[in-house]
Amino acid sequence: MNIQQDLLIQKAMEAGFSRAVFLDSLTLDCREDLRAFCTPQTCPSHGQNWVCPPGCGTLDACREKAGRFSRGLLLQSVTDLTPPTAPQVYKTLNSQHNFRFRQLIEELSPGPGEVLPLTTGGCVFCDSCAYPEPCRRPQVKMESLSAFGIDVAVLCREAGLDYSFREDRVYFTALLMLG
């Protein structure tokens, strides 16, 4: 690992992430079978914003976008919970994770060059999305890992990070792809 990678991990930890791993040779598998869950029947965000289908583009467009990057910073916000947990708690924790991610990106600017921020649940920076009108804040928009068909469990496992669906712990994940 080099000094720049160490600095990125240090900044991520200072921002409040639970885990940060630099991925030097990154090839994402944007899977059709995972993107198939992005339908009006299975996801309430479908057709409601610019980071979910159809607003985010086809899976081929997502593959092309992700394919321009070969390095990334994989981040996790891990929180222990006491079940049962109200849905609002998950929503709040997800928002905190994504605002932390945005803060990190802004702290790194203009540092790492072109970036592609991918995160859990997608963009949370407007009270309501302008979709299908043009995005009001494209400079802060963050794409959805799920919309890109990325298997977050596999990505985490390959990076040596825990990831699971548990009643007593929640894992929110983000990937800052670096050009």
Protein backbone atom coordinates (compact mmCIF):
# COMPACT_ATOMS: atom_id res chain seq x y z
CA MET A 1 0.00 0.00 0.00
CA ASN A 2 1.30 3.47 -0.79
CA ILE A 3 1.08 6.76 1.08
CA GLN A 4 -1.93 7.99 -0.92
CA GLN A 5 -3.88 4.79 -0.19
CA ASP A 6 -2.98 5.00 3.51
CA LEU A 7 -4.13 8.62 3.56
CA LEU A 8 -7.47 7.72 1.96
CA ILE A 9 -8.07 5.00 4.55
CA GLN A 10 -7.06 7.35 7.37
CA LYS A 11 -9.46 10.05 6.11
CA ALA A 12 -12.26 7.49 5.87
CA MET A 13 -11.73 6.32 9.42
CA GLU A 14 -11.58 9.92 10.66
CA ALA A 15 -14.90 10.55 8.86
CA GLY A 16 -16.45 7.85 11.03
CA PHE A 17 -16.53 4.74 8.85
CA SER A 18 -16.17 1.43 10.66
CA ARG A 19 -13.99 -0.16 7.97
CA ALA A 20 -12.11 1.07 4.91
CA VAL A 21 -10.18 -1.03 2.40
CA PHE A 22 -8.34 0.17 -0.69
CA LEU A 23 -8.93 -2.01 -3.75
CA ASP A 24 -6.11 -1.62 -6.26
CA SER A 25 -7.29 -4.00 -8.99
CA LEU A 26 -11.02 -3.55 -9.12
CA THR A 27 -13.24 -5.28 -11.65
CA LEU A 28 -16.94 -5.12 -10.89
CA ASP A 29 -19.37 -7.74 -12.05
CA CYS A 30 -22.60 -5.88 -12.86
CA ARG A 31 -25.01 -8.80 -12.75
CA GLU A 32 -28.27 -9.03 -14.61
CA ASP A 33 -29.78 -11.37 -11.99
CA LEU A 34 -29.25 -8.77 -9.25
CA ARG A 35 -30.43 -5.87 -11.37
CA ALA A 36 -33.60 -7.92 -12.00
CA PHE A 37 -34.70 -7.02 -8.45
CA CYS A 38 -34.94 -3.38 -9.54
CA THR A 39 -38.56 -3.48 -10.68
CA PRO A 40 -41.70 -1.57 -9.69
CA GLN A 41 -42.98 -4.77 -8.04
CA THR A 42 -39.91 -5.33 -5.84
CA CYS A 43 -38.54 -1.85 -5.11
CA PRO A 44 -40.43 1.32 -4.16
CA SER A 45 -37.59 3.46 -5.55
CA HIS A 46 -37.96 2.14 -9.11
CA GLY A 47 -38.87 5.01 -11.43
CA GLN A 48 -38.73 7.52 -8.58
CA ASN A 49 -35.19 8.93 -8.85
CA TRP A 50 -32.08 9.32 -11.01
CA VAL A 51 -30.02 6.60 -9.28
CA CYS A 52 -32.47 3.73 -9.71
CA PRO A 53 -33.83 2.21 -12.92
CA PRO A 54 -34.83 3.46 -15.33
CA GLY A 55 -33.27 6.84 -14.38
CA CYS A 56 -29.76 5.43 -13.85
CA GLY A 57 -29.69 3.92 -17.33
CA THR A 58 -29.45 0.39 -18.58
CA LEU A 59 -27.24 -2.20 -16.93
CA ASP A 60 -24.94 -1.94 -19.97
CA ALA A 61 -24.63 1.82 -19.35
CA CYS A 62 -23.80 1.13 -15.69
CA ARG A 63 -21.20 -1.48 -16.73
CA GLU A 64 -19.61 1.03 -19.09
CA LYS A 65 -19.52 3.71 -16.38
CA ALA A 66 -18.01 1.36 -13.79
CA GLY A 67 -15.58 -0.09 -16.33
CA ARG A 68 -13.75 3.24 -16.56
CA PHE A 69 -12.37 2.66 -13.05
CA SER A 70 -9.89 0.10 -11.75
CA ARG A 71 -9.33 1.31 -8.18
CA GLY A 72 -11.61 2.08 -5.30
CA LEU A 73 -12.11 2.69 -1.61
CA LEU A 74 -14.59 0.25 -0.07
CA LEU A 75 -16.26 1.67 3.03
CA GLN A 76 -18.56 0.29 5.68
CA SER A 77 -20.66 1.77 8.45
CA VAL A 78 -21.44 -1.04 10.89
CA THR A 79 -23.93 -0.55 13.73
CA ASP A 80 -24.95 -2.97 16.44
CA LEU A 81 -28.71 -3.00 17.08
CA THR A 82 -31.07 -4.23 19.75
CA PRO A 83 -33.95 -6.04 17.99
CA PRO A 84 -36.64 -5.36 17.17
CA THR A 85 -35.50 -2.35 15.17
CA ALA A 86 -37.96 0.13 13.71
CA PRO A 87 -37.68 0.78 9.95
CA GLN A 88 -36.99 4.48 10.66
CA VAL A 89 -33.78 3.49 12.46
CA TYR A 90 -32.45 1.80 9.31
CA LYS A 91 -33.41 4.82 7.22
CA THR A 92 -31.63 7.17 9.63
CA LEU A 93 -28.49 5.02 9.74
CA ASN A 94 -28.46 4.79 5.93
CA SER A 95 -28.75 8.59 5.64
CA GLN A 96 -25.93 9.07 8.15
CA HIS A 97 -23.77 6.64 6.16
CA ASN A 98 -24.44 8.46 2.89
CA PHE A 99 -23.89 11.93 4.35
CA ARG A 100 -20.60 10.65 5.85
CA PHE A 101 -19.69 9.34 2.38
CA ARG A 102 -20.48 12.70 0.76
CA GLN A 103 -18.43 14.52 3.41
CA LEU A 104 -15.45 12.26 2.71
CA ILE A 105 -15.71 12.87 -1.04
CA GLU A 106 -15.82 16.64 -0.46
CA GLU A 107 -12.79 16.46 1.86
CA LEU A 108 -10.85 14.62 -0.84
CA SER A 109 -11.73 17.14 -3.57
CA PRO A 110 -10.05 17.91 -5.87
CA GLY A 111 -7.71 15.04 -4.95
CA PRO A 112 -8.19 11.68 -6.60
CA GLY A 113 -9.40 12.82 -10.05
CA GLU A 114 -12.57 11.41 -11.54
CA VAL A 115 -14.67 9.47 -9.05
CA LEU A 116 -17.80 7.36 -9.18
CA PRO A 117 -19.56 7.14 -5.80
CA LEU A 118 -21.68 4.00 -5.38
CA THR A 119 -23.58 3.42 -2.16
CA THR A 120 -26.28 1.59 -0.28
CA GLY A 121 -29.70 2.92 -1.12
CA GLY A 122 -28.44 5.55 -3.50
CA CYS A 123 -28.72 9.31 -3.27
CA VAL A 124 -30.30 10.98 -0.23
CA PHE A 125 -29.38 14.63 -0.74
CA CYS A 126 -32.69 16.12 -1.83
CA ASP A 127 -35.94 15.93 0.12
CA SER A 128 -37.50 14.61 -3.07
CA CYS A 129 -35.91 13.76 -6.40
CA ALA A 130 -36.70 15.92 -9.41
CA TYR A 131 -36.99 12.80 -11.57
CA PRO A 132 -37.92 12.77 -14.42
CA GLU A 133 -36.93 16.46 -14.56
CA PRO A 134 -33.15 17.08 -14.59
CA CYS A 135 -31.25 16.33 -11.40
CA ARG A 136 -31.04 19.44 -9.21
CA ARG A 137 -27.69 18.46 -7.65
CA PRO A 138 -25.72 16.27 -10.08
CA GLN A 139 -22.44 17.28 -8.42
CA VAL A 140 -23.43 15.42 -5.23
CA LYS A 141 -25.49 12.57 -6.70
CA MET A 142 -24.40 9.08 -5.62
CA GLU A 143 -25.34 5.98 -7.59
CA SER A 144 -26.86 2.82 -6.12
CA LEU A 145 -24.73 -0.33 -5.83
CA SER A 146 -27.89 -2.39 -6.35
CA ALA A 147 -28.87 -0.53 -9.51
CA PHE A 148 -25.43 -1.36 -10.90
CA GLY A 149 -26.14 -5.06 -10.24
CA ILE A 150 -23.22 -5.34 -7.82
CA ASP A 151 -23.24 -8.19 -5.30
CA VAL A 152 -22.18 -6.28 -2.19
CA ALA A 153 -21.65 -9.48 -0.19
CA VAL A 154 -19.15 -10.79 -2.77
CA LEU A 155 -17.40 -7.41 -3.00
CA CYS A 156 -17.01 -7.26 0.78
CA ARG A 157 -15.86 -10.86 1.05
CA GLU A 158 -13.20 -10.29 -1.63
CA ALA A 159 -11.98 -7.26 0.36
CA GLY A 160 -11.88 -9.25 3.60
CA LEU A 161 -14.86 -7.46 5.17
CA ASP A 162 -17.80 -9.00 6.99
CA TYR A 163 -21.21 -8.47 5.47
CA SER A 164 -24.49 -10.12 6.34
CA PHE A 165 -28.14 -9.52 7.08
CA ARG A 166 -28.63 -9.81 10.83
CA GLU A 167 -31.16 -8.60 13.36
CA ASP A 168 -28.48 -7.35 15.73
CA ARG A 169 -26.10 -5.63 13.28
CA VAL A 170 -26.49 -3.61 10.11
CA TYR A 171 -23.82 -3.10 7.43
CA PHE A 172 -24.06 -0.11 5.11
CA THR A 173 -21.52 -0.19 2.30
CA ALA A 174 -20.16 2.37 -0.16
CA LEU A 175 -17.57 2.21 -2.90
CA LEU A 176 -15.69 5.28 -4.08
CA MET A 177 -14.38 4.30 -7.49
CA LEU A 178 -11.26 6.24 -8.42
CA GLY A 179 -10.03 7.18 -11.90
